[in-house]
Amino acid sequence: MHGCEGVDVPSVDLNMITCVKPKKRALKTELSGVKKELGEIKNKKDNTVDSEEIISEIMDRSSRSYNVMIFNLPESGDPVLNTQIKHDKDNIANILSPVNLSDNEVVRVLRMGKRGAKKRPAKVVFSSPEAAKRALRS
């Protein structure tokens, strides 16, 4: 690049243009490389997001494997919450009696949704996914 350094502004001529063209090409090449790297980074980010979503889905499925939903289970008319819970647990114990599940395998029973005219589904949480599977087989 001869004649490019220290060129006097008023004397811009063909020498200046010949100095700018190679620099322009070099900048285009560098910009192209930066765009390529940016694209690769975006792809890696998308893959990371996909991996996080998959892990989240697996964890969610794992936690749900402890649960069984029971529909059309009669609800207690009693206004006292503890009596309602006992009523639900007793009904579920009767339903699950052929399965021979121990009392400690049913961890929790709760009703889903707001109380209304329709029977709310009951969510039964078991101590293990295996206990939930045995209950479903009955």
N, C-alpha and C. Protein backbone atom coordinates (compact mmCIF):
# COMPACT_ATOMS: atom_id res chain seq x y z
N MET A 1 0.85 -1.17 0.00
CA MET A 1 0.00 0.00 0.00
C MET A 1 0.89 1.23 0.00
N HIS A 2 1.39 1.55 -1.11
CA HIS A 2 2.29 2.69 -1.20
C HIS A 2 1.50 3.98 -1.37
N GLY A 3 1.98 5.03 -0.78
CA GLY A 3 1.39 6.35 -0.93
C GLY A 3 0.14 6.58 -0.11
N CYS A 4 -0.27 5.64 0.77
CA CYS A 4 -1.51 5.80 1.54
C CYS A 4 -1.25 6.53 2.85
N GLU A 5 -0.14 6.32 3.45
CA GLU A 5 0.16 6.93 4.73
C GLU A 5 0.48 8.40 4.54
N GLY A 6 -0.12 9.23 5.36
CA GLY A 6 0.17 10.65 5.35
C GLY A 6 -0.26 11.36 4.08
N VAL A 7 -1.35 10.91 3.45
CA VAL A 7 -1.84 11.56 2.23
C VAL A 7 -2.49 12.86 2.61
N ASP A 8 -2.18 13.89 1.92
CA ASP A 8 -2.73 15.22 2.15
C ASP A 8 -4.16 15.25 1.65
N VAL A 9 -5.14 15.69 2.47
CA VAL A 9 -6.56 15.67 2.11
C VAL A 9 -6.84 16.40 0.79
N PRO A 10 -6.30 17.58 0.55
CA PRO A 10 -6.60 18.23 -0.72
C PRO A 10 -6.07 17.46 -1.93
N SER A 11 -5.09 16.62 -1.73
CA SER A 11 -4.53 15.94 -2.88
C SER A 11 -5.06 14.52 -3.02
N VAL A 12 -6.33 14.29 -2.62
CA VAL A 12 -6.95 12.98 -2.78
C VAL A 12 -7.03 12.71 -4.27
N ASP A 13 -6.51 11.58 -4.63
CA ASP A 13 -6.48 11.24 -6.04
C ASP A 13 -6.60 9.74 -6.22
N LEU A 14 -6.12 9.25 -7.28
CA LEU A 14 -6.17 7.84 -7.62
C LEU A 14 -5.43 7.00 -6.59
N ASN A 15 -4.35 7.52 -6.03
CA ASN A 15 -3.60 6.79 -5.01
C ASN A 15 -4.46 6.50 -3.79
N MET A 16 -5.27 7.47 -3.39
CA MET A 16 -6.14 7.30 -2.22
C MET A 16 -7.18 6.22 -2.50
N ILE A 17 -7.76 6.22 -3.66
CA ILE A 17 -8.77 5.23 -4.03
C ILE A 17 -8.15 3.84 -4.02
N THR A 18 -6.96 3.71 -4.51
CA THR A 18 -6.31 2.40 -4.51
C THR A 18 -5.97 1.95 -3.09
N CYS A 19 -5.84 2.88 -2.17
CA CYS A 19 -5.60 2.52 -0.76
C CYS A 19 -6.88 2.08 -0.08
N VAL A 20 -8.00 2.67 -0.44
CA VAL A 20 -9.28 2.39 0.21
C VAL A 20 -9.84 1.04 -0.24
N LYS A 21 -9.69 0.69 -1.49
CA LYS A 21 -10.26 -0.56 -2.01
C LYS A 21 -9.78 -1.79 -1.24
N PRO A 22 -8.48 -1.98 -1.02
CA PRO A 22 -8.06 -3.16 -0.26
C PRO A 22 -8.57 -3.15 1.18
N LYS A 23 -8.62 -1.97 1.78
CA LYS A 23 -9.15 -1.88 3.15
C LYS A 23 -10.63 -2.24 3.17
N LYS A 24 -11.35 -1.81 2.15
CA LYS A 24 -12.78 -2.12 2.05
C LYS A 24 -12.97 -3.63 1.92
N ARG A 25 -12.16 -4.28 1.07
CA ARG A 25 -12.24 -5.73 0.90
C ARG A 25 -11.93 -6.44 2.22
N ALA A 26 -10.91 -5.96 2.91
CA ALA A 26 -10.53 -6.57 4.20
C ALA A 26 -11.66 -6.42 5.22
N LEU A 27 -12.30 -5.26 5.26
CA LEU A 27 -13.43 -5.05 6.18
C LEU A 27 -14.61 -5.94 5.82
N LYS A 28 -14.88 -6.11 4.52
CA LYS A 28 -15.98 -6.99 4.09
C LYS A 28 -15.70 -8.42 4.53
N THR A 29 -14.46 -8.86 4.36
CA THR A 29 -14.09 -10.21 4.77
C THR A 29 -14.24 -10.38 6.28
N GLU A 30 -13.79 -9.39 7.01
CA GLU A 30 -13.90 -9.44 8.47
C GLU A 30 -15.36 -9.43 8.91
N LEU A 31 -16.18 -8.60 8.27
CA LEU A 31 -17.61 -8.54 8.58
C LEU A 31 -18.27 -9.87 8.28
N SER A 32 -17.91 -10.48 7.18
CA SER A 32 -18.46 -11.79 6.83
C SER A 32 -18.13 -12.82 7.90
N GLY A 33 -16.88 -12.79 8.38
CA GLY A 33 -16.47 -13.71 9.45
C GLY A 33 -17.24 -13.47 10.73
N VAL A 34 -17.45 -12.22 11.08
CA VAL A 34 -18.20 -11.87 12.29
C VAL A 34 -19.64 -12.35 12.18
N LYS A 35 -20.25 -12.17 11.00
CA LYS A 35 -21.63 -12.63 10.79
C LYS A 35 -21.72 -14.15 10.94
N LYS A 36 -20.74 -14.86 10.40
CA LYS A 36 -20.72 -16.31 10.51
C LYS A 36 -20.63 -16.74 11.97
N GLU A 37 -19.72 -16.11 12.72
CA GLU A 37 -19.57 -16.43 14.14
C GLU A 37 -20.84 -16.13 14.92
N LEU A 38 -21.49 -15.01 14.60
CA LEU A 38 -22.75 -14.65 15.26
C LEU A 38 -23.82 -15.70 14.99
N GLY A 39 -23.89 -16.17 13.75
CA GLY A 39 -24.85 -17.22 13.41
C GLY A 39 -24.59 -18.49 14.20
N GLU A 40 -23.32 -18.86 14.35
CA GLU A 40 -22.97 -20.05 15.12
C GLU A 40 -23.35 -19.88 16.59
N ILE A 41 -23.14 -18.69 17.13
CA ILE A 41 -23.49 -18.43 18.53
C ILE A 41 -25.00 -18.52 18.71
N LYS A 42 -25.77 -17.98 17.76
CA LYS A 42 -27.24 -18.06 17.85
C LYS A 42 -27.69 -19.51 17.82
N ASN A 43 -27.08 -20.34 16.96
CA ASN A 43 -27.45 -21.75 16.90
C ASN A 43 -27.15 -22.45 18.21
N LYS A 44 -26.00 -22.15 18.81
CA LYS A 44 -25.65 -22.75 20.10
C LYS A 44 -26.65 -22.34 21.16
N LYS A 45 -27.07 -21.07 21.14
CA LYS A 45 -28.05 -20.57 22.12
C LYS A 45 -29.37 -21.29 21.93
N ASP A 46 -29.82 -21.46 20.68
CA ASP A 46 -31.07 -22.16 20.41
C ASP A 46 -30.98 -23.60 20.90
N ASN A 47 -29.85 -24.26 20.68
CA ASN A 47 -29.68 -25.63 21.15
C ASN A 47 -29.70 -25.69 22.67
N THR A 48 -29.14 -24.69 23.33
CA THR A 48 -29.15 -24.64 24.79
C THR A 48 -30.57 -24.49 25.30
N VAL A 49 -31.35 -23.62 24.66
CA VAL A 49 -32.75 -23.42 25.06
C VAL A 49 -33.52 -24.71 24.86
N ASP A 50 -33.30 -25.39 23.74
CA ASP A 50 -33.97 -26.67 23.50
C ASP A 50 -33.61 -27.67 24.58
N SER A 51 -32.35 -27.74 24.96
CA SER A 51 -31.91 -28.67 26.00
C SER A 51 -32.57 -28.34 27.33
N GLU A 52 -32.65 -27.06 27.66
CA GLU A 52 -33.29 -26.65 28.91
C GLU A 52 -34.77 -27.02 28.91
N GLU A 53 -35.44 -26.84 27.78
CA GLU A 53 -36.86 -27.20 27.69
C GLU A 53 -37.04 -28.71 27.85
N ILE A 54 -36.17 -29.48 27.24
CA ILE A 54 -36.26 -30.94 27.34
C ILE A 54 -36.04 -31.38 28.78
N ILE A 55 -35.04 -30.83 29.43
CA ILE A 55 -34.77 -31.18 30.83
C ILE A 55 -35.95 -30.81 31.71
N SER A 56 -36.52 -29.63 31.48
CA SER A 56 -37.68 -29.19 32.25
C SER A 56 -38.86 -30.14 32.04
N GLU A 57 -39.09 -30.56 30.80
CA GLU A 57 -40.18 -31.49 30.49
C GLU A 57 -39.95 -32.84 31.17
N ILE A 58 -38.73 -33.33 31.16
CA ILE A 58 -38.42 -34.61 31.80
C ILE A 58 -38.66 -34.52 33.31
N MET A 59 -38.23 -33.42 33.92
CA MET A 59 -38.43 -33.25 35.36
C MET A 59 -39.92 -33.16 35.69
N ASP A 60 -40.68 -32.47 34.84
CA ASP A 60 -42.12 -32.33 35.05
C ASP A 60 -42.80 -33.69 34.96
N ARG A 61 -42.45 -34.46 33.95
CA ARG A 61 -43.04 -35.80 33.79
C ARG A 61 -42.67 -36.69 34.96
N SER A 62 -41.44 -36.57 35.42
CA SER A 62 -40.99 -37.38 36.55
C SER A 62 -41.81 -37.06 37.80
N SER A 63 -42.04 -35.78 38.06
CA SER A 63 -42.82 -35.42 39.26
C SER A 63 -44.28 -35.83 39.11
N ARG A 64 -44.82 -35.80 37.88
CA ARG A 64 -46.21 -36.20 37.68
C ARG A 64 -46.39 -37.71 37.74
N SER A 65 -45.31 -38.48 37.64
CA SER A 65 -45.43 -39.94 37.65
C SER A 65 -45.88 -40.46 39.02
N TYR A 66 -45.86 -39.61 40.03
CA TYR A 66 -46.32 -39.98 41.37
C TYR A 66 -47.83 -39.80 41.52
N ASN A 67 -48.48 -39.17 40.57
CA ASN A 67 -49.88 -38.76 40.71
C ASN A 67 -50.83 -39.61 39.89
N VAL A 68 -52.04 -39.76 40.43
CA VAL A 68 -53.14 -40.40 39.71
C VAL A 68 -54.37 -39.51 39.92
N MET A 69 -55.07 -39.24 38.83
CA MET A 69 -56.30 -38.46 38.91
C MET A 69 -57.48 -39.42 38.96
N ILE A 70 -58.41 -39.16 39.88
CA ILE A 70 -59.62 -39.97 40.00
C ILE A 70 -60.81 -39.05 39.77
N PHE A 71 -61.66 -39.45 38.83
CA PHE A 71 -62.82 -38.64 38.46
C PHE A 71 -64.09 -39.28 39.00
N ASN A 72 -65.13 -38.46 39.18
CA ASN A 72 -66.46 -38.88 39.65
C ASN A 72 -66.44 -39.48 41.05
N LEU A 73 -65.48 -39.09 41.86
CA LEU A 73 -65.42 -39.52 43.25
C LEU A 73 -66.38 -38.64 44.05
N PRO A 74 -67.34 -39.24 44.77
CA PRO A 74 -68.31 -38.42 45.52
C PRO A 74 -67.60 -37.49 46.51
N GLU A 75 -68.12 -36.26 46.58
CA GLU A 75 -67.55 -35.28 47.51
C GLU A 75 -68.36 -35.24 48.79
N SER A 76 -67.69 -34.94 49.88
CA SER A 76 -68.34 -34.78 51.17
C SER A 76 -69.13 -33.47 51.16
N GLY A 77 -70.29 -33.49 51.78
CA GLY A 77 -71.08 -32.27 51.91
C GLY A 77 -70.72 -31.49 53.16
N ASP A 78 -69.82 -32.03 53.95
CA ASP A 78 -69.43 -31.40 55.21
C ASP A 78 -68.64 -30.12 54.96
N PRO A 79 -68.94 -29.03 55.69
CA PRO A 79 -68.21 -27.78 55.49
C PRO A 79 -66.81 -27.77 56.11
N VAL A 80 -66.52 -28.73 56.99
CA VAL A 80 -65.22 -28.78 57.67
C VAL A 80 -64.19 -29.45 56.75
N LEU A 81 -63.09 -28.74 56.48
CA LEU A 81 -62.08 -29.22 55.54
C LEU A 81 -61.49 -30.56 55.94
N ASN A 82 -61.16 -30.74 57.22
CA ASN A 82 -60.56 -32.00 57.67
C ASN A 82 -61.50 -33.18 57.46
N THR A 83 -62.79 -32.95 57.63
CA THR A 83 -63.78 -34.00 57.39
C THR A 83 -63.85 -34.33 55.91
N GLN A 84 -63.77 -33.32 55.05
CA GLN A 84 -63.77 -33.54 53.60
C GLN A 84 -62.55 -34.37 53.19
N ILE A 85 -61.39 -34.03 53.74
CA ILE A 85 -60.16 -34.75 53.41
C ILE A 85 -60.25 -36.20 53.86
N LYS A 86 -60.76 -36.41 55.09
CA LYS A 86 -60.91 -37.78 55.59
C LYS A 86 -61.88 -38.56 54.72
N HIS A 87 -62.96 -37.93 54.29
CA HIS A 87 -63.94 -38.57 53.42
C HIS A 87 -63.28 -39.02 52.11
N ASP A 88 -62.49 -38.13 51.51
CA ASP A 88 -61.81 -38.46 50.26
C ASP A 88 -60.80 -39.59 50.47
N LYS A 89 -60.02 -39.53 51.55
CA LYS A 89 -59.03 -40.58 51.82
C LYS A 89 -59.70 -41.93 52.04
N ASP A 90 -60.82 -41.93 52.76
CA ASP A 90 -61.55 -43.19 52.98
C ASP A 90 -62.07 -43.75 51.67
N ASN A 91 -62.65 -42.89 50.82
CA ASN A 91 -63.15 -43.36 49.52
C ASN A 91 -62.01 -43.94 48.67
N ILE A 92 -60.89 -43.28 48.68
CA ILE A 92 -59.75 -43.75 47.88
C ILE A 92 -59.20 -45.05 48.45
N ALA A 93 -59.17 -45.17 49.77
CA ALA A 93 -58.73 -46.42 50.39
C ALA A 93 -59.64 -47.57 49.97
N ASN A 94 -60.96 -47.32 49.89
CA ASN A 94 -61.90 -48.35 49.45
C ASN A 94 -61.65 -48.74 48.00
N ILE A 95 -61.40 -47.74 47.16
CA ILE A 95 -61.15 -48.02 45.74
C ILE A 95 -59.86 -48.82 45.57
N LEU A 96 -58.84 -48.48 46.35
CA LEU A 96 -57.53 -49.10 46.20
C LEU A 96 -57.33 -50.35 47.06
N SER A 97 -58.35 -50.77 47.81
CA SER A 97 -58.18 -51.93 48.69
C SER A 97 -57.77 -53.21 47.94
N PRO A 98 -58.24 -53.47 46.71
CA PRO A 98 -57.77 -54.68 46.01
C PRO A 98 -56.29 -54.62 45.61
N VAL A 99 -55.70 -53.45 45.60
CA VAL A 99 -54.31 -53.29 45.14
C VAL A 99 -53.32 -53.61 46.25
N ASN A 100 -53.78 -53.67 47.49
CA ASN A 100 -52.91 -53.93 48.64
C ASN A 100 -51.81 -52.89 48.79
N LEU A 101 -52.18 -51.63 48.71
CA LEU A 101 -51.23 -50.55 48.97
C LEU A 101 -51.25 -50.25 50.46
N SER A 102 -50.10 -50.01 51.03
CA SER A 102 -50.06 -49.66 52.45
C SER A 102 -50.54 -48.21 52.63
N ASP A 103 -50.92 -47.88 53.86
CA ASP A 103 -51.44 -46.54 54.14
C ASP A 103 -50.43 -45.44 53.83
N ASN A 104 -49.16 -45.73 54.05
CA ASN A 104 -48.15 -44.69 53.83
C ASN A 104 -47.80 -44.50 52.35
N GLU A 105 -48.33 -45.33 51.46
CA GLU A 105 -48.06 -45.16 50.03
C GLU A 105 -48.93 -44.07 49.41
N VAL A 106 -50.07 -43.75 50.05
CA VAL A 106 -50.88 -42.62 49.62
C VAL A 106 -50.43 -41.43 50.47
N VAL A 107 -49.72 -40.52 49.83
CA VAL A 107 -49.13 -39.39 50.55
C VAL A 107 -50.13 -38.28 50.76
N ARG A 108 -50.91 -37.99 49.71
CA ARG A 108 -51.80 -36.83 49.78
C ARG A 108 -52.96 -37.01 48.81
N VAL A 109 -54.10 -36.48 49.20
CA VAL A 109 -55.29 -36.45 48.34
C VAL A 109 -55.79 -35.02 48.33
N LEU A 110 -55.96 -34.46 47.13
CA LEU A 110 -56.51 -33.11 47.06
C LEU A 110 -57.45 -32.99 45.88
N ARG A 111 -58.43 -32.13 46.04
CA ARG A 111 -59.41 -31.87 44.99
C ARG A 111 -58.90 -30.76 44.09
N MET A 112 -59.15 -30.91 42.80
CA MET A 112 -58.70 -29.93 41.81
C MET A 112 -59.87 -29.02 41.44
N GLY A 113 -59.63 -27.72 41.39
CA GLY A 113 -60.65 -26.77 40.98
C GLY A 113 -61.49 -26.27 42.13
N LYS A 114 -62.47 -25.43 41.75
CA LYS A 114 -63.37 -24.84 42.75
C LYS A 114 -64.56 -25.75 42.98
N ARG A 115 -65.05 -25.71 44.20
CA ARG A 115 -66.24 -26.47 44.55
C ARG A 115 -67.42 -25.89 43.79
N GLY A 116 -68.23 -26.77 43.21
CA GLY A 116 -69.38 -26.33 42.45
C GLY A 116 -70.38 -27.46 42.32
N ALA A 117 -71.22 -27.37 41.29
CA ALA A 117 -72.25 -28.37 41.07
C ALA A 117 -71.66 -29.71 40.63
N LYS A 118 -70.57 -29.66 39.87
CA LYS A 118 -69.94 -30.90 39.39
C LYS A 118 -68.95 -31.44 40.41
N LYS A 119 -68.74 -32.75 40.35
CA LYS A 119 -67.73 -33.38 41.21
C LYS A 119 -66.35 -32.99 40.70
N ARG A 120 -65.52 -32.51 41.61
CA ARG A 120 -64.16 -32.13 41.23
C ARG A 120 -63.28 -33.38 41.19
N PRO A 121 -62.33 -33.43 40.25
CA PRO A 121 -61.42 -34.58 40.23
C PRO A 121 -60.51 -34.56 41.46
N ALA A 122 -60.14 -35.75 41.90
CA ALA A 122 -59.24 -35.88 43.05
C ALA A 122 -57.86 -36.28 42.54
N LYS A 123 -56.86 -35.57 43.00
CA LYS A 123 -55.47 -35.90 42.66
C LYS A 123 -54.90 -36.68 43.84
N VAL A 124 -54.45 -37.89 43.56
CA VAL A 124 -53.87 -38.74 44.59
C VAL A 124 -52.36 -38.78 44.35
N VAL A 125 -51.59 -38.37 45.35
CA VAL A 125 -50.13 -38.37 45.25
C VAL A 125 -49.62 -39.59 46.02
N PHE A 126 -48.86 -40.42 45.31
CA PHE A 126 -48.31 -41.64 45.91
C PHE A 126 -46.85 -41.43 46.31
N SER A 127 -46.35 -42.35 47.12
CA SER A 127 -44.97 -42.25 47.61
C SER A 127 -43.95 -42.61 46.54
N SER A 128 -44.39 -43.30 45.48
CA SER A 128 -43.46 -43.69 44.41
C SER A 128 -44.23 -43.84 43.10
N PRO A 129 -43.53 -43.73 41.98
CA PRO A 129 -44.20 -43.96 40.69
C PRO A 129 -44.71 -45.40 40.58
N GLU A 130 -44.01 -46.34 41.21
CA GLU A 130 -44.44 -47.74 41.15
C GLU A 130 -45.79 -47.93 41.84
N ALA A 131 -45.99 -47.27 42.98
CA ALA A 131 -47.27 -47.35 43.68
C ALA A 131 -48.38 -46.75 42.82
N ALA A 132 -48.09 -45.66 42.14
CA ALA A 132 -49.08 -45.04 41.25
C ALA A 132 -49.43 -45.98 40.10
N LYS A 133 -48.44 -46.66 39.55
CA LYS A 133 -48.69 -47.61 38.45
C LYS A 133 -49.53 -48.79 38.93
N ARG A 134 -49.24 -49.29 40.13
CA ARG A 134 -50.05 -50.40 40.68
C ARG A 134 -51.49 -49.96 40.86
N ALA A 135 -51.70 -48.73 41.32
CA ALA A 135 -53.06 -48.22 41.51
C ALA A 135 -53.77 -48.11 40.16
N LEU A 136 -53.07 -47.70 39.13
CA LEU A 136 -53.68 -47.58 37.81
C LEU A 136 -54.04 -48.94 37.21
N ARG A 137 -53.29 -49.96 37.55
CA ARG A 137 -53.57 -51.30 37.01
C ARG A 137 -54.83 -51.90 37.60
N SER A 138 -55.27 -51.41 38.75
CA SER A 138 -56.45 -52.01 39.41
C SER A 138 -57.74 -51.63 38.73
